[in-house]
N, C-alpha and C. Protein backbone atom coordinates (compact mmCIF):
# COMPACT_ATOMS: atom_id res chain seq x y z
N MET A 1 357.80 -133.86 70.76
CA MET A 1 357.39 -134.36 69.46
C MET A 1 356.59 -135.65 69.67
N LEU A 2 355.44 -135.72 69.08
CA LEU A 2 354.58 -136.88 69.21
C LEU A 2 354.57 -137.63 67.89
N LEU A 3 355.14 -138.83 67.88
CA LEU A 3 355.21 -139.62 66.66
C LEU A 3 354.17 -140.73 66.64
N THR A 4 353.61 -141.04 67.80
CA THR A 4 352.66 -142.15 67.90
C THR A 4 351.41 -141.68 68.63
N GLY A 5 350.49 -142.61 68.81
CA GLY A 5 349.33 -142.34 69.64
C GLY A 5 349.73 -142.32 71.11
N ARG A 6 348.74 -142.29 71.98
CA ARG A 6 349.04 -142.18 73.41
C ARG A 6 349.67 -143.46 73.95
N LEU A 7 350.43 -143.30 75.01
CA LEU A 7 351.05 -144.43 75.68
C LEU A 7 350.01 -145.11 76.56
N VAL A 8 350.04 -146.44 76.61
CA VAL A 8 349.11 -147.20 77.44
C VAL A 8 349.85 -148.37 78.07
N TYR A 9 349.25 -148.93 79.11
CA TYR A 9 349.78 -150.16 79.70
C TYR A 9 349.15 -151.36 79.00
N LYS A 10 349.90 -152.44 78.92
CA LYS A 10 349.43 -153.66 78.23
C LYS A 10 348.05 -154.08 78.69
N GLN A 11 347.86 -154.15 80.00
CA GLN A 11 346.59 -154.67 80.52
C GLN A 11 345.41 -153.76 80.22
N GLU A 12 345.67 -152.48 79.90
CA GLU A 12 344.59 -151.55 79.58
C GLU A 12 344.13 -151.65 78.13
N TRP A 13 344.98 -152.19 77.25
CA TRP A 13 344.68 -152.21 75.82
C TRP A 13 343.83 -153.43 75.49
N LYS A 14 342.65 -153.21 74.95
CA LYS A 14 341.71 -154.31 74.66
C LYS A 14 341.46 -154.50 73.17
N HIS A 15 342.24 -153.85 72.34
CA HIS A 15 342.02 -153.91 70.90
C HIS A 15 343.16 -154.65 70.22
N LYS A 16 343.32 -154.41 68.93
CA LYS A 16 344.34 -155.07 68.12
C LYS A 16 345.74 -154.76 68.64
N LYS A 17 346.57 -155.81 68.75
CA LYS A 17 347.95 -155.63 69.19
C LYS A 17 348.90 -155.81 68.01
N VAL A 18 350.03 -155.13 68.09
CA VAL A 18 351.03 -155.18 67.03
C VAL A 18 351.95 -156.38 67.25
N MET A 19 352.23 -157.08 66.15
CA MET A 19 353.18 -158.18 66.18
C MET A 19 353.84 -158.26 64.81
N GLY A 20 355.13 -158.50 64.79
CA GLY A 20 355.84 -158.63 63.53
C GLY A 20 357.30 -158.93 63.77
N ASN A 21 358.02 -159.09 62.68
CA ASN A 21 359.43 -159.43 62.82
C ASN A 21 360.33 -158.34 62.24
N ILE A 22 361.51 -158.26 62.82
CA ILE A 22 362.60 -157.47 62.27
C ILE A 22 363.77 -158.43 62.22
N GLY A 23 364.24 -158.68 61.01
CA GLY A 23 365.27 -159.71 60.85
C GLY A 23 364.68 -161.06 61.21
N HIS A 24 365.38 -161.79 62.04
CA HIS A 24 364.92 -163.13 62.42
C HIS A 24 364.16 -163.14 63.75
N LYS A 25 363.96 -161.98 64.36
CA LYS A 25 363.33 -161.91 65.68
C LYS A 25 361.90 -161.40 65.59
N ILE A 26 360.98 -162.11 66.25
CA ILE A 26 359.57 -161.71 66.30
C ILE A 26 359.36 -160.83 67.53
N HIS A 27 358.69 -159.70 67.31
CA HIS A 27 358.39 -158.76 68.39
C HIS A 27 356.88 -158.70 68.59
N TYR A 28 356.45 -158.82 69.82
CA TYR A 28 355.03 -158.76 70.15
C TYR A 28 354.86 -158.11 71.52
N ASP A 29 353.64 -157.76 71.86
CA ASP A 29 353.34 -157.07 73.12
C ASP A 29 354.12 -155.77 73.26
N ILE A 30 354.29 -155.06 72.16
CA ILE A 30 355.00 -153.78 72.21
C ILE A 30 354.03 -152.60 72.15
N GLY A 31 352.81 -152.86 71.67
CA GLY A 31 351.82 -151.79 71.56
C GLY A 31 350.57 -152.24 70.84
N GLY A 32 349.61 -151.35 70.81
CA GLY A 32 348.36 -151.63 70.13
C GLY A 32 348.20 -150.75 68.90
N CYS A 33 347.28 -151.16 68.05
CA CYS A 33 347.01 -150.41 66.82
C CYS A 33 345.53 -150.04 66.78
N SER A 34 345.26 -148.76 66.57
CA SER A 34 343.87 -148.30 66.51
C SER A 34 343.39 -148.05 65.08
N TYR A 35 344.20 -148.46 64.10
CA TYR A 35 343.80 -148.29 62.70
C TYR A 35 342.71 -149.31 62.39
N ASN A 36 341.60 -148.86 61.81
CA ASN A 36 340.46 -149.74 61.61
C ASN A 36 340.57 -150.65 60.39
N ASP A 37 341.24 -150.18 59.35
CA ASP A 37 341.37 -150.99 58.14
C ASP A 37 342.65 -151.81 58.18
N LYS A 38 342.86 -152.59 57.12
CA LYS A 38 344.10 -153.36 57.03
C LYS A 38 345.24 -152.40 56.72
N CYS A 39 346.27 -152.46 57.54
CA CYS A 39 347.42 -151.57 57.37
C CYS A 39 348.29 -152.07 56.23
N LEU A 40 348.77 -151.13 55.42
CA LEU A 40 349.61 -151.48 54.27
C LEU A 40 351.10 -151.43 54.59
N PHE A 41 351.43 -151.04 55.81
CA PHE A 41 352.83 -150.93 56.20
C PHE A 41 353.30 -152.17 56.95
N GLN A 42 354.60 -152.29 57.10
CA GLN A 42 355.16 -153.46 57.78
C GLN A 42 355.00 -153.31 59.29
N PRO A 43 354.37 -154.30 59.93
CA PRO A 43 354.17 -154.22 61.38
C PRO A 43 355.51 -154.12 62.12
N VAL A 44 355.49 -153.45 63.21
CA VAL A 44 356.62 -153.16 64.10
C VAL A 44 357.53 -152.11 63.47
N ARG A 45 358.14 -152.42 62.36
CA ARG A 45 359.11 -151.52 61.72
C ARG A 45 358.51 -150.13 61.47
N ASN A 46 357.29 -150.05 60.96
CA ASN A 46 356.68 -148.77 60.63
C ASN A 46 355.78 -148.22 61.73
N CYS A 47 355.51 -149.00 62.74
CA CYS A 47 354.58 -148.57 63.79
C CYS A 47 355.10 -147.41 64.62
N TYR A 48 356.38 -147.39 64.88
CA TYR A 48 356.94 -146.39 65.79
C TYR A 48 356.84 -144.96 65.25
N GLY A 49 356.49 -144.79 64.00
CA GLY A 49 356.27 -143.47 63.44
C GLY A 49 354.83 -143.24 63.05
N CYS A 50 353.92 -144.04 63.59
CA CYS A 50 352.51 -144.00 63.19
C CYS A 50 351.62 -143.48 64.32
N ILE A 51 350.69 -142.60 63.97
CA ILE A 51 349.79 -142.04 64.99
C ILE A 51 348.78 -143.07 65.51
N TYR A 52 348.60 -144.17 64.80
CA TYR A 52 347.66 -145.20 65.24
C TYR A 52 348.30 -146.20 66.20
N PHE A 53 349.61 -146.13 66.34
CA PHE A 53 350.34 -147.03 67.23
C PHE A 53 350.32 -146.46 68.65
N HIS A 54 349.91 -147.29 69.60
CA HIS A 54 349.86 -146.91 71.00
C HIS A 54 350.87 -147.78 71.75
N PRO A 55 352.07 -147.26 71.96
CA PRO A 55 353.12 -148.05 72.61
C PRO A 55 352.73 -148.44 74.03
N PHE A 56 353.08 -149.66 74.40
CA PHE A 56 352.86 -150.10 75.77
C PHE A 56 353.98 -149.56 76.65
N ILE A 57 353.60 -148.89 77.71
CA ILE A 57 354.57 -148.30 78.63
C ILE A 57 355.45 -149.39 79.23
N ASP A 58 354.85 -150.53 79.51
CA ASP A 58 355.56 -151.61 80.19
C ASP A 58 356.14 -152.64 79.22
N ALA A 59 356.30 -152.28 77.97
CA ALA A 59 356.91 -153.19 76.97
C ALA A 59 358.41 -152.97 76.92
N ASP A 60 359.11 -153.96 76.39
CA ASP A 60 360.57 -153.85 76.24
C ASP A 60 360.88 -153.40 74.81
N HIS A 61 360.85 -152.11 74.60
CA HIS A 61 361.11 -151.55 73.28
C HIS A 61 362.60 -151.62 72.92
N THR A 62 363.44 -151.86 73.91
CA THR A 62 364.88 -151.96 73.62
C THR A 62 365.20 -153.17 72.76
N ASN A 63 364.39 -154.22 72.85
CA ASN A 63 364.59 -155.39 71.96
C ASN A 63 364.37 -155.00 70.50
N VAL A 64 363.36 -154.17 70.26
CA VAL A 64 363.09 -153.71 68.90
C VAL A 64 364.25 -152.82 68.43
N LEU A 65 364.70 -151.95 69.32
CA LEU A 65 365.83 -151.07 69.00
C LEU A 65 367.08 -151.88 68.64
N GLU A 66 367.35 -152.93 69.40
CA GLU A 66 368.51 -153.78 69.12
C GLU A 66 368.39 -154.46 67.75
N SER A 67 367.19 -154.90 67.40
CA SER A 67 366.98 -155.53 66.09
C SER A 67 367.23 -154.54 64.96
N ILE A 68 366.73 -153.32 65.11
CA ILE A 68 366.95 -152.29 64.09
C ILE A 68 368.43 -151.96 63.99
N GLN A 69 369.10 -151.85 65.14
CA GLN A 69 370.53 -151.54 65.13
C GLN A 69 371.33 -152.63 64.42
N CYS A 70 370.95 -153.88 64.61
CA CYS A 70 371.62 -154.99 63.90
C CYS A 70 371.43 -154.85 62.39
N GLU A 71 370.21 -154.48 61.98
CA GLU A 71 369.97 -154.28 60.55
C GLU A 71 370.78 -153.12 60.00
N ILE A 72 370.88 -152.04 60.77
CA ILE A 72 371.69 -150.90 60.34
C ILE A 72 373.14 -151.31 60.17
N ASN A 73 373.66 -152.03 61.15
CA ASN A 73 375.05 -152.49 61.08
C ASN A 73 375.29 -153.38 59.87
N ASP A 74 374.36 -154.31 59.63
CA ASP A 74 374.48 -155.20 58.47
C ASP A 74 374.41 -154.41 57.17
N LEU A 75 373.51 -153.44 57.11
CA LEU A 75 373.34 -152.62 55.92
C LEU A 75 374.58 -151.77 55.64
N ILE A 76 375.17 -151.22 56.68
CA ILE A 76 376.40 -150.43 56.52
C ILE A 76 377.53 -151.33 56.01
N ARG A 77 377.66 -152.49 56.62
CA ARG A 77 378.70 -153.44 56.21
C ARG A 77 378.52 -153.85 54.75
N LEU A 78 377.29 -154.18 54.38
CA LEU A 78 376.99 -154.58 53.00
C LEU A 78 377.24 -153.43 52.03
N SER A 79 376.76 -152.25 52.38
CA SER A 79 376.91 -151.08 51.51
C SER A 79 378.38 -150.73 51.31
N ASP A 80 379.14 -150.74 52.38
CA ASP A 80 380.58 -150.47 52.27
C ASP A 80 381.28 -151.53 51.43
N GLY A 81 380.83 -152.77 51.57
CA GLY A 81 381.43 -153.88 50.83
C GLY A 81 381.24 -153.80 49.33
N ILE A 82 380.14 -153.17 48.91
CA ILE A 82 379.89 -153.03 47.47
C ILE A 82 380.19 -151.62 46.97
N GLY A 83 380.75 -150.80 47.86
CA GLY A 83 381.16 -149.45 47.45
C GLY A 83 380.05 -148.43 47.38
N VAL A 84 378.96 -148.65 48.11
CA VAL A 84 377.84 -147.70 48.12
C VAL A 84 377.63 -147.23 49.56
N SER A 85 378.59 -146.50 50.07
CA SER A 85 378.53 -146.11 51.48
C SER A 85 377.41 -145.11 51.78
N ARG A 86 376.87 -144.47 50.77
CA ARG A 86 375.76 -143.53 50.97
C ARG A 86 374.42 -144.15 50.57
N ASN A 87 374.24 -145.38 50.92
CA ASN A 87 373.00 -146.10 50.62
C ASN A 87 371.83 -145.39 51.32
N PRO A 88 370.80 -144.97 50.56
CA PRO A 88 369.67 -144.25 51.16
C PRO A 88 368.88 -145.10 52.16
N LEU A 89 368.97 -146.41 52.06
CA LEU A 89 368.26 -147.26 53.02
C LEU A 89 368.80 -147.09 54.43
N ILE A 90 370.06 -146.72 54.55
CA ILE A 90 370.64 -146.51 55.88
C ILE A 90 369.90 -145.38 56.59
N ARG A 91 369.61 -144.31 55.86
CA ARG A 91 368.88 -143.18 56.47
C ARG A 91 367.47 -143.58 56.88
N VAL A 92 366.82 -144.40 56.09
CA VAL A 92 365.47 -144.87 56.43
C VAL A 92 365.52 -145.65 57.74
N HIS A 93 366.47 -146.56 57.84
CA HIS A 93 366.61 -147.36 59.06
C HIS A 93 366.99 -146.48 60.26
N GLU A 94 367.82 -145.48 60.03
CA GLU A 94 368.20 -144.58 61.13
C GLU A 94 367.01 -143.75 61.60
N SER A 95 366.11 -143.40 60.69
CA SER A 95 364.88 -142.69 61.08
C SER A 95 364.01 -143.58 61.96
N THR A 96 363.91 -144.85 61.58
CA THR A 96 363.16 -145.80 62.39
C THR A 96 363.79 -145.94 63.77
N LYS A 97 365.10 -145.99 63.80
CA LYS A 97 365.82 -146.08 65.09
C LYS A 97 365.48 -144.88 65.96
N PHE A 98 365.47 -143.68 65.39
CA PHE A 98 365.13 -142.47 66.14
C PHE A 98 363.71 -142.55 66.70
N GLU A 99 362.77 -143.05 65.90
CA GLU A 99 361.38 -143.17 66.35
C GLU A 99 361.27 -144.13 67.53
N ILE A 100 361.99 -145.24 67.47
CA ILE A 100 361.98 -146.21 68.57
C ILE A 100 362.61 -145.60 69.82
N GLU A 101 363.73 -144.92 69.64
CA GLU A 101 364.38 -144.25 70.78
C GLU A 101 363.46 -143.22 71.42
N SER A 102 362.70 -142.52 70.61
CA SER A 102 361.76 -141.52 71.13
C SER A 102 360.67 -142.17 71.97
N VAL A 103 360.17 -143.31 71.52
CA VAL A 103 359.16 -144.04 72.30
C VAL A 103 359.75 -144.51 73.62
N ILE A 104 360.97 -145.00 73.59
CA ILE A 104 361.63 -145.46 74.82
C ILE A 104 361.72 -144.31 75.83
N VAL A 105 362.12 -143.14 75.36
CA VAL A 105 362.23 -141.97 76.25
C VAL A 105 360.86 -141.58 76.79
N ARG A 106 359.86 -141.56 75.93
CA ARG A 106 358.50 -141.22 76.38
C ARG A 106 358.00 -142.19 77.44
N CYS A 107 358.26 -143.48 77.23
CA CYS A 107 357.83 -144.49 78.21
C CYS A 107 358.55 -144.30 79.54
N GLU A 108 359.84 -144.02 79.49
CA GLU A 108 360.61 -143.78 80.72
C GLU A 108 360.09 -142.55 81.45
N MET A 109 359.77 -141.51 80.71
CA MET A 109 359.22 -140.30 81.33
C MET A 109 357.88 -140.61 82.00
N GLN A 110 357.06 -141.40 81.34
CA GLN A 110 355.75 -141.77 81.89
C GLN A 110 355.94 -142.59 83.17
N LYS A 111 356.88 -143.51 83.16
CA LYS A 111 357.16 -144.33 84.35
C LYS A 111 357.66 -143.46 85.50
N ASP A 112 358.41 -142.41 85.17
CA ASP A 112 358.95 -141.50 86.19
C ASP A 112 357.94 -140.45 86.63
N GLY A 113 356.74 -140.50 86.07
CA GLY A 113 355.69 -139.57 86.46
C GLY A 113 355.73 -138.22 85.77
N ILE A 114 356.48 -138.13 84.69
CA ILE A 114 356.53 -136.89 83.92
C ILE A 114 355.53 -137.02 82.78
N ASN A 115 354.45 -136.25 82.83
CA ASN A 115 353.39 -136.37 81.82
C ASN A 115 353.77 -135.68 80.53
N GLU A 116 353.30 -136.24 79.42
CA GLU A 116 353.48 -135.62 78.11
C GLU A 116 352.51 -134.46 77.98
N SER A 117 352.92 -133.45 77.25
CA SER A 117 351.97 -132.36 76.98
C SER A 117 352.08 -131.91 75.56
């Protein structure tokens, strides 16, 4: 399953780079963006499911995953605390988590010499 653009190394990417925050943590040098216009989505959070996002093979995507997981944990705690355990936002965040995990696996495969097809 291909959720993003092609994987590249940081030093090979000469165009716009993605930077943004999740929670209180700023994430940068995670990938490039080939979208020509101004993007209407939130940087980093929405990039992992975007075809214009080109993840850097040598980036630490686990930091982004940890930030999303913290948000999921906080959201579950908050939702349970107010009696809304089926908060639809939890599913949205879990989808983002899956997209990030998929990029991590793709990058690991690329590092191990297993090409995508």
